[in-house]
Amino acid sequence: MGLSTPSPREREQRFRDIYDAAYVDLLRFVRRRVHPTHAEDVVGEVMLIAWRRLDDVPADLPAARAWLFGVARKVLQNARRREDKHDAVAVRLAEAQDDPEPVAAGHHPDLVACRIDLGAAWPLLSATDQEAIALAVLDGLTAPEAATVLGISATAFRLRLSRARRTLRRHLDQTDAARAPGPVLPASERSPR
């Protein structure tokens, strides 16, 4: 027995389910990579592609979400090529914090110092490292989902993420070392004024 072709109403409902499940996360994903005024246009293009290729979208909603992130990534890459831009993926750390109570958590001195250190270390990472960390931490994708976005295996993504985290840790450690006060010299060893 052959599989029945879904009715137009069933196709529309499937698309609505995918849209509802992924739109907010997809918009956040895109906003970290383009100017906020362009994000909705990119997401609109991604959703148009999803509608046109609905039969290619995985049935499982988490897998569909990862598939949409992959399409968004390709749309963004194509836009960069058209504009002759070869810049790294720019992730806006300031927009990463969607904490509804920033006063309670965001103003603790240790957290502020950590954010400053992270802000200083982030640009030192390669675009590949930034993207791996962003997919895992900021976008909350699992390794298989992030691998789908990047078009690589889950194992390759795990290795890439591990390297990226090590590199970020090294940059953060260097920031900590640079901020640490130097040794205090006895008065007899200080240079005279």
Protein backbone atom coordinates (compact mmCIF):
# COMPACT_ATOMS: atom_id res chain seq x y z
CA MET A 1 0.00 0.00 0.00
CA GLY A 2 1.26 3.45 -0.91
CA LEU A 3 1.39 6.37 1.44
CA SER A 4 -1.41 8.87 0.99
CA THR A 5 -0.54 12.38 -0.03
CA PRO A 6 -1.40 14.90 2.70
CA SER A 7 -4.26 17.25 1.93
CA PRO A 8 -3.56 20.97 1.49
CA ARG A 9 -5.14 21.54 4.91
CA GLU A 10 -2.82 18.94 6.52
CA ARG A 11 0.21 20.51 4.84
CA GLU A 12 -0.83 23.94 6.05
CA GLN A 13 -1.30 22.65 9.61
CA ARG A 14 2.10 20.96 9.53
CA PHE A 15 3.73 24.20 8.40
CA ARG A 16 1.91 26.13 11.15
CA ASP A 17 3.16 23.65 13.76
CA ILE A 18 6.74 24.02 12.52
CA TYR A 19 6.41 27.80 12.38
CA ASP A 20 4.97 28.02 15.91
CA ALA A 21 7.64 25.69 17.31
CA ALA A 22 10.62 27.43 15.73
CA TYR A 23 9.90 31.09 14.91
CA VAL A 24 10.99 32.74 18.16
CA ASP A 25 14.22 30.73 18.45
CA LEU A 26 14.97 31.18 14.77
CA LEU A 27 14.49 34.95 15.01
CA ARG A 28 16.83 35.08 18.02
CA PHE A 29 19.38 32.96 16.11
CA VAL A 30 19.27 35.32 13.12
CA ARG A 31 19.29 38.53 15.21
CA ARG A 32 22.65 37.55 16.67
CA ARG A 33 24.07 37.33 13.16
CA VAL A 34 22.61 40.31 11.31
CA HIS A 35 21.42 43.79 12.11
CA PRO A 36 18.10 43.49 13.97
CA THR A 37 16.27 45.39 11.21
CA HIS A 38 17.12 42.60 8.73
CA ALA A 39 16.37 39.62 10.97
CA GLU A 40 12.66 39.30 10.18
CA ASP A 41 13.37 39.43 6.44
CA VAL A 42 15.86 36.57 6.78
CA VAL A 43 13.44 34.52 8.88
CA GLY A 44 10.70 35.22 6.33
CA GLU A 45 12.95 33.87 3.58
CA VAL A 46 13.73 30.78 5.68
CA MET A 47 10.02 30.15 6.27
CA LEU A 48 9.30 30.57 2.56
CA ILE A 49 11.94 27.94 1.80
CA ALA A 50 10.42 25.69 4.47
CA TRP A 51 6.98 26.06 2.88
CA ARG A 52 8.31 25.31 -0.59
CA ARG A 53 10.34 22.32 0.64
CA LEU A 54 7.89 21.11 3.29
CA ASP A 55 8.41 17.50 2.23
CA ASP A 56 12.14 17.86 3.03
CA VAL A 57 11.55 19.24 6.54
CA PRO A 58 12.02 16.49 9.17
CA ALA A 59 8.80 15.33 10.84
CA ASP A 60 10.26 15.57 14.37
CA LEU A 61 9.93 19.19 15.62
CA PRO A 62 13.42 19.41 17.22
CA ALA A 63 14.93 18.05 14.01
CA ALA A 64 12.81 20.48 11.98
CA ARG A 65 14.10 23.33 14.15
CA ALA A 66 17.70 22.31 13.47
CA TRP A 67 16.89 22.00 9.75
CA LEU A 68 15.50 25.56 9.77
CA PHE A 69 18.63 26.84 11.56
CA GLY A 70 20.70 25.20 8.82
CA VAL A 71 18.60 26.88 6.13
CA ALA A 72 18.95 30.21 7.96
CA ARG A 73 22.70 29.78 8.07
CA LYS A 74 22.80 29.17 4.31
CA VAL A 75 20.53 32.17 3.64
CA LEU A 76 22.86 34.32 5.72
CA GLN A 77 25.93 32.97 3.89
CA ASN A 78 24.32 33.71 0.54
CA ALA A 79 23.46 37.24 1.65
CA ARG A 80 27.07 37.79 2.72
CA ARG A 81 28.33 36.55 -0.64
CA ARG A 82 25.98 38.86 -2.50
CA GLU A 83 27.22 41.79 -0.42
CA ASP A 84 30.88 40.69 -0.73
CA LYS A 85 31.20 40.50 3.00
CA HIS A 86 33.74 38.08 4.41
CA ASP A 87 33.47 39.07 8.05
CA ALA A 88 33.22 36.60 10.88
CA VAL A 89 29.87 35.63 12.34
CA ALA A 90 29.10 38.47 14.73
CA VAL A 91 27.27 37.30 17.81
CA ARG A 92 25.88 40.11 19.90
CA LEU A 93 26.63 39.20 23.50
CA ALA A 94 24.59 42.11 24.79
CA GLU A 95 21.46 40.53 23.31
CA ALA A 96 22.24 37.08 24.67
CA GLN A 97 20.88 37.89 28.09
CA ASP A 98 17.09 37.55 27.97
CA ASP A 99 16.87 37.52 31.78
CA PRO A 100 13.50 38.92 32.90
CA GLU A 101 15.07 40.06 36.19
CA PRO A 102 18.40 41.66 35.27
CA VAL A 103 18.67 43.52 38.55
CA ALA A 104 18.60 40.33 40.60
CA ALA A 105 21.17 38.38 38.62
CA GLY A 106 22.89 40.74 36.21
CA HIS A 107 24.39 43.32 38.53
CA HIS A 108 26.31 41.08 40.89
CA PRO A 109 29.95 42.29 40.73
CA ASP A 110 31.31 38.84 39.87
CA LEU A 111 28.83 38.42 37.02
CA VAL A 112 29.60 41.88 35.68
CA ALA A 113 33.34 41.10 35.74
CA CYS A 114 32.70 37.76 34.04
CA ARG A 115 30.68 39.46 31.28
CA ILE A 116 33.42 42.04 30.77
CA ASP A 117 36.03 39.27 30.51
CA LEU A 118 33.84 37.34 28.10
CA GLY A 119 33.26 40.48 26.04
CA ALA A 120 37.01 40.99 25.80
CA ALA A 121 37.77 37.35 24.96
CA TRP A 122 34.94 36.82 22.43
CA PRO A 123 36.47 38.82 19.54
CA LEU A 124 39.71 36.86 19.95
CA LEU A 125 37.91 33.65 18.92
CA SER A 126 37.74 32.58 15.31
CA ALA A 127 34.38 32.76 13.55
CA THR A 128 34.23 28.96 13.69
CA ASP A 129 34.75 28.92 17.46
CA GLN A 130 32.19 31.71 17.98
CA GLU A 131 29.64 29.85 15.92
CA ALA A 132 30.14 26.54 17.75
CA ILE A 133 29.74 28.14 21.17
CA ALA A 134 26.79 30.24 20.02
CA LEU A 135 24.93 27.23 18.65
CA ALA A 136 25.46 25.23 21.84
CA VAL A 137 25.11 27.92 24.48
CA LEU A 138 23.12 30.81 23.05
CA ASP A 139 20.83 28.82 20.75
CA GLY A 140 20.57 25.77 23.02
CA LEU A 141 21.06 23.22 20.25
CA THR A 142 22.15 19.68 21.00
CA ALA A 143 25.26 18.37 19.23
CA PRO A 144 23.23 16.51 16.58
CA GLU A 145 21.05 19.59 15.97
CA ALA A 146 24.05 21.93 15.74
CA ALA A 147 25.78 19.44 13.45
CA THR A 148 22.74 19.55 11.16
CA VAL A 149 22.95 23.36 11.08
CA LEU A 150 26.63 23.21 10.11
CA GLY A 151 26.33 20.25 7.77
CA ILE A 152 28.83 18.14 9.73
CA SER A 153 28.63 15.03 11.90
CA ALA A 154 27.67 15.28 15.58
CA THR A 155 31.13 13.97 16.50
CA ALA A 156 32.80 16.67 14.42
CA PHE A 157 30.64 19.29 16.12
CA ARG A 158 31.52 17.97 19.59
CA LEU A 159 35.22 18.21 18.72
CA ARG A 160 34.77 21.71 17.32
CA LEU A 161 32.88 22.82 20.43
CA SER A 162 35.49 21.29 22.72
CA ARG A 163 38.29 23.14 20.90
CA ALA A 164 36.30 26.37 20.96
CA ARG A 165 35.69 26.10 24.71
CA ARG A 166 39.39 25.40 25.34
CA THR A 167 40.36 28.42 23.28
CA LEU A 168 37.84 30.63 25.08
CA ARG A 169 39.09 29.36 28.45
CA ARG A 170 42.69 30.15 27.43
CA HIS A 171 41.69 33.72 26.48
CA LEU A 172 39.75 34.14 29.73
CA ASP A 173 42.72 32.84 31.75
CA GLN A 174 44.97 35.37 29.99
CA THR A 175 42.51 38.13 30.85
CA ASP A 176 42.54 37.02 34.51
CA ALA A 177 46.35 36.94 34.55
CA ALA A 178 46.59 40.40 33.00
CA ARG A 179 44.17 41.82 35.57
CA ALA A 180 45.96 40.29 38.59
CA PRO A 181 47.99 42.82 40.54
CA GLY A 182 51.76 42.54 40.27
CA PRO A 183 54.02 41.87 43.23
CA VAL A 184 54.33 44.67 45.73
CA LEU A 185 57.96 45.75 46.05
CA PRO A 186 59.42 46.76 49.39
CA ALA A 187 60.00 50.48 49.74
CA SER A 188 63.79 49.97 49.45
CA GLU A 189 63.37 48.47 45.93
CA ARG A 190 60.97 51.07 44.54
CA SER A 191 62.38 53.62 42.16
CA PRO A 192 62.71 57.12 43.59
CA ARG A 193 60.47 59.84 42.22
